[in-house]
Amino acid sequence: MKELVEVIAKALVDNPDEVVVTETVNGKNIKVELHVAPSDMGKVIGKQGRIAKAIRSVVKAASTRDDTRVDVDIM
């Protein structure tokens, strides 16, 4: 899941070198934290959180085949 979030985030931002994704696995729960440059925060979140919601939906769809639960936090 880490790679998926990283690819999506790097495509959205102006500074792809500053995108950092960390993944923590706890049983069937996976927590993915996305860190971007402060100037790119709006591009990742989007108006009214639409892009962030779309990222979470894509990751959730990808995680259902692995029977895991994934939480995506944007820092």
PDB file of N, CA and C in Angstrom:
ATOM      1  N   MET A   1       0.817  -1.190   0.000  1.00  0.00           N
ATOM      2  CA  MET A   1       0.000   0.000   0.000  1.00  0.00           C
ATOM      3  C   MET A   1       0.865   1.261   0.000  1.00  0.00           C
ATOM      4  N   LYS A   2       2.035   1.153   0.610  1.00  0.00           N
ATOM      5  CA  LYS A   2       2.940   2.296   0.683  1.00  0.00           C
ATOM      6  C   LYS A   2       3.295   2.792  -0.708  1.00  0.00           C
ATOM      7  N   GLU A   3       3.595   1.875  -1.609  1.00  0.00           N
ATOM      8  CA  GLU A   3       3.993   2.253  -2.959  1.00  0.00           C
ATOM      9  C   GLU A   3       2.849   2.912  -3.709  1.00  0.00           C
ATOM     10  N   LEU A   4       1.643   2.418  -3.514  1.00  0.00           N
ATOM     11  CA  LEU A   4       0.473   2.982  -4.178  1.00  0.00           C
ATOM     12  C   LEU A   4       0.244   4.430  -3.763  1.00  0.00           C
ATOM     13  N   VAL A   5       0.288   4.693  -2.469  1.00  0.00           N
ATOM     14  CA  VAL A   5       0.098   6.053  -1.963  1.00  0.00           C
ATOM     15  C   VAL A   5       1.219   6.960  -2.452  1.00  0.00           C
ATOM     16  N   GLU A   6       2.430   6.436  -2.478  1.00  0.00           N
ATOM     17  CA  GLU A   6       3.582   7.233  -2.915  1.00  0.00           C
ATOM     18  C   GLU A   6       3.461   7.631  -4.389  1.00  0.00           C
ATOM     19  N   VAL A   7       3.051   6.718  -5.242  1.00  0.00           N
ATOM     20  CA  VAL A   7       2.899   7.007  -6.667  1.00  0.00           C
ATOM     21  C   VAL A   7       1.806   8.056  -6.887  1.00  0.00           C
ATOM     22  N   ILE A   8       0.694   7.913  -6.193  1.00  0.00           N
ATOM     23  CA  ILE A   8      -0.404   8.866  -6.347  1.00  0.00           C
ATOM     24  C   ILE A   8       0.027  10.248  -5.871  1.00  0.00           C
ATOM     25  N   ALA A   9       0.662  10.316  -4.713  1.00  0.00           N
ATOM     26  CA  ALA A   9       1.055  11.606  -4.142  1.00  0.00           C
ATOM     27  C   ALA A   9       2.101  12.307  -4.997  1.00  0.00           C
ATOM     28  N   LYS A  10       3.074  11.564  -5.498  1.00  0.00           N
ATOM     29  CA  LYS A  10       4.121  12.177  -6.320  1.00  0.00           C
ATOM     30  C   LYS A  10       3.559  12.731  -7.624  1.00  0.00           C
ATOM     31  N   ALA A  11       2.483  12.152  -8.125  1.00  0.00           N
ATOM     32  CA  ALA A  11       1.862  12.655  -9.345  1.00  0.00           C
ATOM     33  C   ALA A  11       1.100  13.952  -9.103  1.00  0.00           C
ATOM     34  N   LEU A  12       0.701  14.198  -7.870  1.00  0.00           N
ATOM     35  CA  LEU A  12      -0.116  15.375  -7.557  1.00  0.00           C
ATOM     36  C   LEU A  12       0.693  16.622  -7.186  1.00  0.00           C
ATOM     37  N   VAL A  13       1.856  16.446  -6.589  1.00  0.00           N
ATOM     38  CA  VAL A  13       2.573  17.573  -5.978  1.00  0.00           C
ATOM     39  C   VAL A  13       3.593  18.210  -6.926  1.00  0.00           C
ATOM     40  N   ASP A  14       4.040  19.421  -6.559  1.00  0.00           N
ATOM     41  CA  ASP A  14       5.085  20.117  -7.315  1.00  0.00           C
ATOM     42  C   ASP A  14       6.477  19.672  -6.887  1.00  0.00           C
ATOM     43  N   ASN A  15       6.623  19.218  -5.633  1.00  0.00           N
ATOM     44  CA  ASN A  15       7.910  18.787  -5.089  1.00  0.00           C
ATOM     45  C   ASN A  15       7.867  17.292  -4.763  1.00  0.00           C
ATOM     46  N   PRO A  16       7.990  16.424  -5.771  1.00  0.00           N
ATOM     47  CA  PRO A  16       7.888  14.984  -5.496  1.00  0.00           C
ATOM     48  C   PRO A  16       9.035  14.440  -4.645  1.00  0.00           C
ATOM     49  N   ASP A  17      10.150  15.180  -4.579  1.00  0.00           N
ATOM     50  CA  ASP A  17      11.267  14.723  -3.750  1.00  0.00           C
ATOM     51  C   ASP A  17      10.956  14.809  -2.261  1.00  0.00           C
ATOM     52  N   GLU A  18       9.990  15.640  -1.893  1.00  0.00           N
ATOM     53  CA  GLU A  18       9.663  15.833  -0.484  1.00  0.00           C
ATOM     54  C   GLU A  18       8.521  14.937  -0.009  1.00  0.00           C
ATOM     55  N   VAL A  19       8.054  14.045  -0.847  1.00  0.00           N
ATOM     56  CA  VAL A  19       6.997  13.115  -0.460  1.00  0.00           C
ATOM     57  C   VAL A  19       7.623  11.963   0.317  1.00  0.00           C
ATOM     58  N   VAL A  20       7.122  11.746   1.540  1.00  0.00           N
ATOM     59  CA  VAL A  20       7.599  10.654   2.388  1.00  0.00           C
ATOM     60  C   VAL A  20       6.387   9.858   2.849  1.00  0.00           C
ATOM     61  N   VAL A  21       6.429   8.555   2.620  1.00  0.00           N
ATOM     62  CA  VAL A  21       5.332   7.679   3.023  1.00  0.00           C
ATOM     63  C   VAL A  21       5.885   6.633   3.973  1.00  0.00           C
ATOM     64  N   THR A  22       5.260   6.509   5.143  1.00  0.00           N
ATOM     65  CA  THR A  22       5.650   5.482   6.106  1.00  0.00           C
ATOM     66  C   THR A  22       4.472   4.543   6.320  1.00  0.00           C
ATOM     67  N   GLU A  23       4.793   3.293   6.569  1.00  0.00           N
ATOM     68  CA  GLU A  23       3.765   2.270   6.720  1.00  0.00           C
ATOM     69  C   GLU A  23       4.012   1.499   8.005  1.00  0.00           C
ATOM     70  N   THR A  24       2.969   1.346   8.809  1.00  0.00           N
ATOM     71  CA  THR A  24       3.042   0.593  10.048  1.00  0.00           C
ATOM     72  C   THR A  24       2.026  -0.541   9.982  1.00  0.00           C
ATOM     73  N   VAL A  25       2.494  -1.768  10.161  1.00  0.00           N
ATOM     74  CA  VAL A  25       1.612  -2.932  10.085  1.00  0.00           C
ATOM     75  C   VAL A  25       1.359  -3.453  11.493  1.00  0.00           C
ATOM     76  N   ASN A  26       0.078  -3.657  11.805  1.00  0.00           N
ATOM     77  CA  ASN A  26      -0.313  -4.189  13.104  1.00  0.00           C
ATOM     78  C   ASN A  26      -1.379  -5.258  12.847  1.00  0.00           C
ATOM     79  N   GLY A  27      -0.952  -6.476  12.616  1.00  0.00           N
ATOM     80  CA  GLY A  27      -1.889  -7.549  12.299  1.00  0.00           C
ATOM     81  C   GLY A  27      -2.499  -7.331  10.928  1.00  0.00           C
ATOM     82  N   LYS A  28      -3.833  -7.216  10.869  1.00  0.00           N
ATOM     83  CA  LYS A  28      -4.510  -6.957   9.605  1.00  0.00           C
ATOM     84  C   LYS A  28      -4.778  -5.475   9.392  1.00  0.00           C
ATOM     85  N   ASN A  29      -4.281  -4.643  10.281  1.00  0.00           N
ATOM     86  CA  ASN A  29      -4.432  -3.196  10.147  1.00  0.00           C
ATOM     87  C   ASN A  29      -3.122  -2.589   9.665  1.00  0.00           C
ATOM     88  N   ILE A  30      -3.227  -1.721   8.681  1.00  0.00           N
ATOM     89  CA  ILE A  30      -2.058  -1.024   8.152  1.00  0.00           C
ATOM     90  C   ILE A  30      -2.333   0.471   8.261  1.00  0.00           C
ATOM     91  N   LYS A  31      -1.360   1.192   8.816  1.00  0.00           N
ATOM     92  CA  LYS A  31      -1.476   2.646   8.911  1.00  0.00           C
ATOM     93  C   LYS A  31      -0.434   3.255   7.987  1.00  0.00           C
ATOM     94  N   VAL A  32      -0.888   4.068   7.046  1.00  0.00           N
ATOM     95  CA  VAL A  32      -0.014   4.713   6.077  1.00  0.00           C
ATOM     96  C   VAL A  32      -0.039   6.214   6.368  1.00  0.00           C
ATOM     97  N   GLU A  33       1.148   6.790   6.577  1.00  0.00           N
ATOM     98  CA  GLU A  33       1.256   8.228   6.827  1.00  0.00           C
ATOM     99  C   GLU A  33       1.929   8.885   5.636  1.00  0.00           C
ATOM    100  N   LEU A  34       1.307   9.928   5.137  1.00  0.00           N
ATOM    101  CA  LEU A  34       1.811  10.651   3.976  1.00  0.00           C
ATOM    102  C   LEU A  34       2.267  12.028   4.420  1.00  0.00           C
ATOM    103  N   HIS A  35       3.532  12.327   4.186  1.00  0.00           N
ATOM    104  CA  HIS A  35       4.105  13.629   4.513  1.00  0.00           C
ATOM    105  C   HIS A  35       4.491  14.319   3.212  1.00  0.00           C
ATOM    106  N   VAL A  36       4.006  15.547   3.024  1.00  0.00           N
ATOM    107  CA  VAL A  36       4.352  16.332   1.839  1.00  0.00           C
ATOM    108  C   VAL A  36       4.827  17.706   2.280  1.00  0.00           C
ATOM    109  N   ALA A  37       5.393  18.463   1.339  1.00  0.00           N
ATOM    110  CA  ALA A  37       5.832  19.825   1.637  1.00  0.00           C
ATOM    111  C   ALA A  37       4.610  20.677   1.989  1.00  0.00           C
ATOM    112  N   PRO A  38       4.790  21.639   2.889  1.00  0.00           N
ATOM    113  CA  PRO A  38       3.651  22.495   3.275  1.00  0.00           C
ATOM    114  C   PRO A  38       2.987  23.192   2.085  1.00  0.00           C
ATOM    115  N   SER A  39       3.761  23.537   1.071  1.00  0.00           N
ATOM    116  CA  SER A  39       3.183  24.206  -0.098  1.00  0.00           C
ATOM    117  C   SER A  39       2.333  23.254  -0.956  1.00  0.00           C
ATOM    118  N   ASP A  40       2.538  21.955  -0.805  1.00  0.00           N
ATOM    119  CA  ASP A  40       1.788  20.963  -1.578  1.00  0.00           C
ATOM    120  C   ASP A  40       0.612  20.367  -0.813  1.00  0.00           C
ATOM    121  N   MET A  41       0.416  20.777   0.413  1.00  0.00           N
ATOM    122  CA  MET A  41      -0.627  20.188   1.245  1.00  0.00           C
ATOM    123  C   MET A  41      -2.019  20.359   0.609  1.00  0.00           C
ATOM    124  N   GLY A  42      -2.281  21.529   0.062  1.00  0.00           N
ATOM    125  CA  GLY A  42      -3.582  21.779  -0.557  1.00  0.00           C
ATOM    126  C   GLY A  42      -3.832  20.920  -1.776  1.00  0.00           C
ATOM    127  N   LYS A  43      -2.793  20.598  -2.507  1.00  0.00           N
ATOM    128  CA  LYS A  43      -2.939  19.774  -3.701  1.00  0.00           C
ATOM    129  C   LYS A  43      -3.278  18.333  -3.340  1.00  0.00           C
ATOM    130  N   VAL A  44      -2.773  17.880  -2.218  1.00  0.00           N
ATOM    131  CA  VAL A  44      -3.037  16.498  -1.799  1.00  0.00           C
ATOM    132  C   VAL A  44      -4.412  16.385  -1.141  1.00  0.00           C
ATOM    133  N   ILE A  45      -4.827  17.422  -0.435  1.00  0.00           N
ATOM    134  CA  ILE A  45      -6.126  17.384   0.240  1.00  0.00           C
ATOM    135  C   ILE A  45      -7.254  17.730  -0.729  1.00  0.00           C
ATOM    136  N   GLY A  46      -7.068  18.760  -1.533  1.00  0.00           N
ATOM    137  CA  GLY A  46      -8.091  19.154  -2.496  1.00  0.00           C
ATOM    138  C   GLY A  46      -9.190  19.970  -1.860  1.00  0.00           C
ATOM    139  N   LYS A  47     -10.061  20.503  -2.691  1.00  0.00           N
ATOM    140  CA  LYS A  47     -11.183  21.300  -2.195  1.00  0.00           C
ATOM    141  C   LYS A  47     -12.131  20.404  -1.423  1.00  0.00           C
ATOM    142  N   GLN A  48     -12.423  20.812  -0.221  1.00  0.00           N
ATOM    143  CA  GLN A  48     -13.311  20.076   0.693  1.00  0.00           C
ATOM    144  C   GLN A  48     -12.866  18.632   0.903  1.00  0.00           C
ATOM    145  N   GLY A  49     -11.561  18.373   0.740  1.00  0.00           N
ATOM    146  CA  GLY A  49     -11.016  17.050   1.013  1.00  0.00           C
ATOM    147  C   GLY A  49     -11.319  16.001  -0.032  1.00  0.00           C
ATOM    148  N   ARG A  50     -11.682  16.424  -1.223  1.00  0.00           N
ATOM    149  CA  ARG A  50     -12.083  15.465  -2.260  1.00  0.00           C
ATOM    150  C   ARG A  50     -10.940  14.582  -2.728  1.00  0.00           C
ATOM    151  N   ILE A  51      -9.759  15.157  -2.908  1.00  0.00           N
ATOM    152  CA  ILE A  51      -8.629  14.347  -3.383  1.00  0.00           C
ATOM    153  C   ILE A  51      -8.182  13.376  -2.299  1.00  0.00           C
ATOM    154  N   ALA A  52      -8.137  13.843  -1.050  1.00  0.00           N
ATOM    155  CA  ALA A  52      -7.772  12.958   0.062  1.00  0.00           C
ATOM    156  C   ALA A  52      -8.766  11.805   0.173  1.00  0.00           C
ATOM    157  N   LYS A  53     -10.032  12.104  -0.009  1.00  0.00           N
ATOM    158  CA  LYS A  53     -11.060  11.068   0.045  1.00  0.00           C
ATOM    159  C   LYS A  53     -10.882  10.069  -1.099  1.00  0.00           C
ATOM    160  N   ALA A  54     -10.519  10.569  -2.280  1.00  0.00           N
ATOM    161  CA  ALA A  54     -10.301   9.690  -3.432  1.00  0.00           C
ATOM    162  C   ALA A  54      -9.096   8.788  -3.211  1.00  0.00           C
ATOM    163  N   ILE A  55      -8.018   9.342  -2.629  1.00  0.00           N
ATOM    164  CA  ILE A  55      -6.837   8.523  -2.323  1.00  0.00           C
ATOM    165  C   ILE A  55      -7.216   7.411  -1.359  1.00  0.00           C
ATOM    166  N   ARG A  56      -7.970   7.750  -0.331  1.00  0.00           N
ATOM    167  CA  ARG A  56      -8.395   6.740   0.651  1.00  0.00           C
ATOM    168  C   ARG A  56      -9.280   5.681   0.005  1.00  0.00           C
ATOM    169  N   SER A  57     -10.144   6.075  -0.923  1.00  0.00           N
ATOM    170  CA  SER A  57     -11.020   5.118  -1.601  1.00  0.00           C
ATOM    171  C   SER A  57     -10.229   4.143  -2.467  1.00  0.00           C
ATOM    172  N   VAL A  58      -9.235   4.643  -3.187  1.00  0.00           N
ATOM    173  CA  VAL A  58      -8.409   3.779  -4.031  1.00  0.00           C
ATOM    174  C   VAL A  58      -7.631   2.784  -3.172  1.00  0.00           C
ATOM    175  N   VAL A  59      -7.064   3.270  -2.079  1.00  0.00           N
ATOM    176  CA  VAL A  59      -6.292   2.387  -1.190  1.00  0.00           C
ATOM    177  C   VAL A  59      -7.206   1.358  -0.540  1.00  0.00           C
ATOM    178  N   LYS A  60      -8.408   1.768  -0.162  1.00  0.00           N
ATOM    179  CA  LYS A  60      -9.361   0.835   0.439  1.00  0.00           C
ATOM    180  C   LYS A  60      -9.749  -0.258  -0.555  1.00  0.00           C
ATOM    181  N   ALA A  61      -9.958   0.124  -1.802  1.00  0.00           N
ATOM    182  CA  ALA A  61     -10.303  -0.861  -2.824  1.00  0.00           C
ATOM    183  C   ALA A  61      -9.153  -1.840  -3.049  1.00  0.00           C
ATOM    184  N   ALA A  62      -7.932  -1.336  -3.037  1.00  0.00           N
ATOM    185  CA  ALA A  62      -6.772  -2.213  -3.226  1.00  0.00           C
ATOM    186  C   ALA A  62      -6.556  -3.125  -2.025  1.00  0.00           C
ATOM    187  N   SER A  63      -6.953  -2.678  -0.851  1.00  0.00           N
ATOM    188  CA  SER A  63      -6.707  -3.479   0.348  1.00  0.00           C
ATOM    189  C   SER A  63      -7.748  -4.573   0.548  1.00  0.00           C
ATOM    190  N   THR A  64      -8.884  -4.494  -0.106  1.00  0.00           N
ATOM    191  CA  THR A  64      -9.917  -5.508   0.101  1.00  0.00           C
ATOM    192  C   THR A  64      -9.498  -6.873  -0.421  1.00  0.00           C
ATOM    193  N   ARG A  65      -8.677  -6.912  -1.466  1.00  0.00           N
ATOM    194  CA  ARG A  65      -8.248  -8.222  -1.965  1.00  0.00           C
ATOM    195  C   ARG A  65      -7.248  -8.887  -1.025  1.00  0.00           C
ATOM    196  N   ASP A  66      -6.550  -8.092  -0.196  1.00  0.00           N
ATOM    197  CA  ASP A  66      -5.618  -8.642   0.784  1.00  0.00           C
ATOM    198  C   ASP A  66      -6.289  -8.909   2.122  1.00  0.00           C
ATOM    199  N   ASP A  67      -7.577  -8.572   2.227  1.00  0.00           N
ATOM    200  CA  ASP A  67      -8.340  -8.728   3.467  1.00  0.00           C
ATOM    201  C   ASP A  67      -7.682  -7.984   4.627  1.00  0.00           C
ATOM    202  N   THR A  68      -7.279  -6.734   4.369  1.00  0.00           N
ATOM    203  CA  THR A  68      -6.679  -5.895   5.395  1.00  0.00           C
ATOM    204  C   THR A  68      -7.435  -4.576   5.477  1.00  0.00           C
ATOM    205  N   ARG A  69      -7.203  -3.854   6.551  1.00  0.00           N
ATOM    206  CA  ARG A  69      -7.801  -2.533   6.737  1.00  0.00           C
ATOM    207  C   ARG A  69      -6.679  -1.514   6.708  1.00  0.00           C
ATOM    208  N   VAL A  70      -6.828  -0.512   5.857  1.00  0.00           N
ATOM    209  CA  VAL A  70      -5.777   0.486   5.684  1.00  0.00           C
ATOM    210  C   VAL A  70      -6.312   1.866   6.046  1.00  0.00           C
ATOM    211  N   ASP A  71      -5.575   2.569   6.903  1.00  0.00           N
ATOM    212  CA  ASP A  71      -5.884   3.958   7.248  1.00  0.00           C
ATOM    213  C   ASP A  71      -4.821   4.839   6.642  1.00  0.00           C
ATOM    214  N   VAL A  72      -5.231   5.871   5.907  1.00  0.00           N
ATOM    215  CA  VAL A  72      -4.294   6.810   5.299  1.00  0.00           C
ATOM    216  C   VAL A  72      -4.408   8.128   6.031  1.00  0.00           C
ATOM    217  N   ASP A  73      -3.304   8.561   6.636  1.00  0.00           N
ATOM    218  CA  ASP A  73      -3.242   9.852   7.337  1.00  0.00           C
ATOM    219  C   ASP A  73      -2.336  10.786   6.557  1.00  0.00           C
ATOM    220  N   ILE A  74      -2.810  11.998   6.321  1.00  0.00           N
ATOM    221  CA  ILE A  74      -2.023  13.003   5.628  1.00  0.00           C
ATOM    222  C   ILE A  74      -1.497  13.968   6.668  1.00  0.00           C
ATOM    223  N   MET A  75      -0.180  14.035   6.771  1.00  0.00           N
ATOM    224  CA  MET A  75       0.460  14.866   7.796  1.00  0.00           C
ATOM    225  C   MET A  75       0.962  16.155   7.191  1.00  0.00           C
TER     226      MET A  75
END
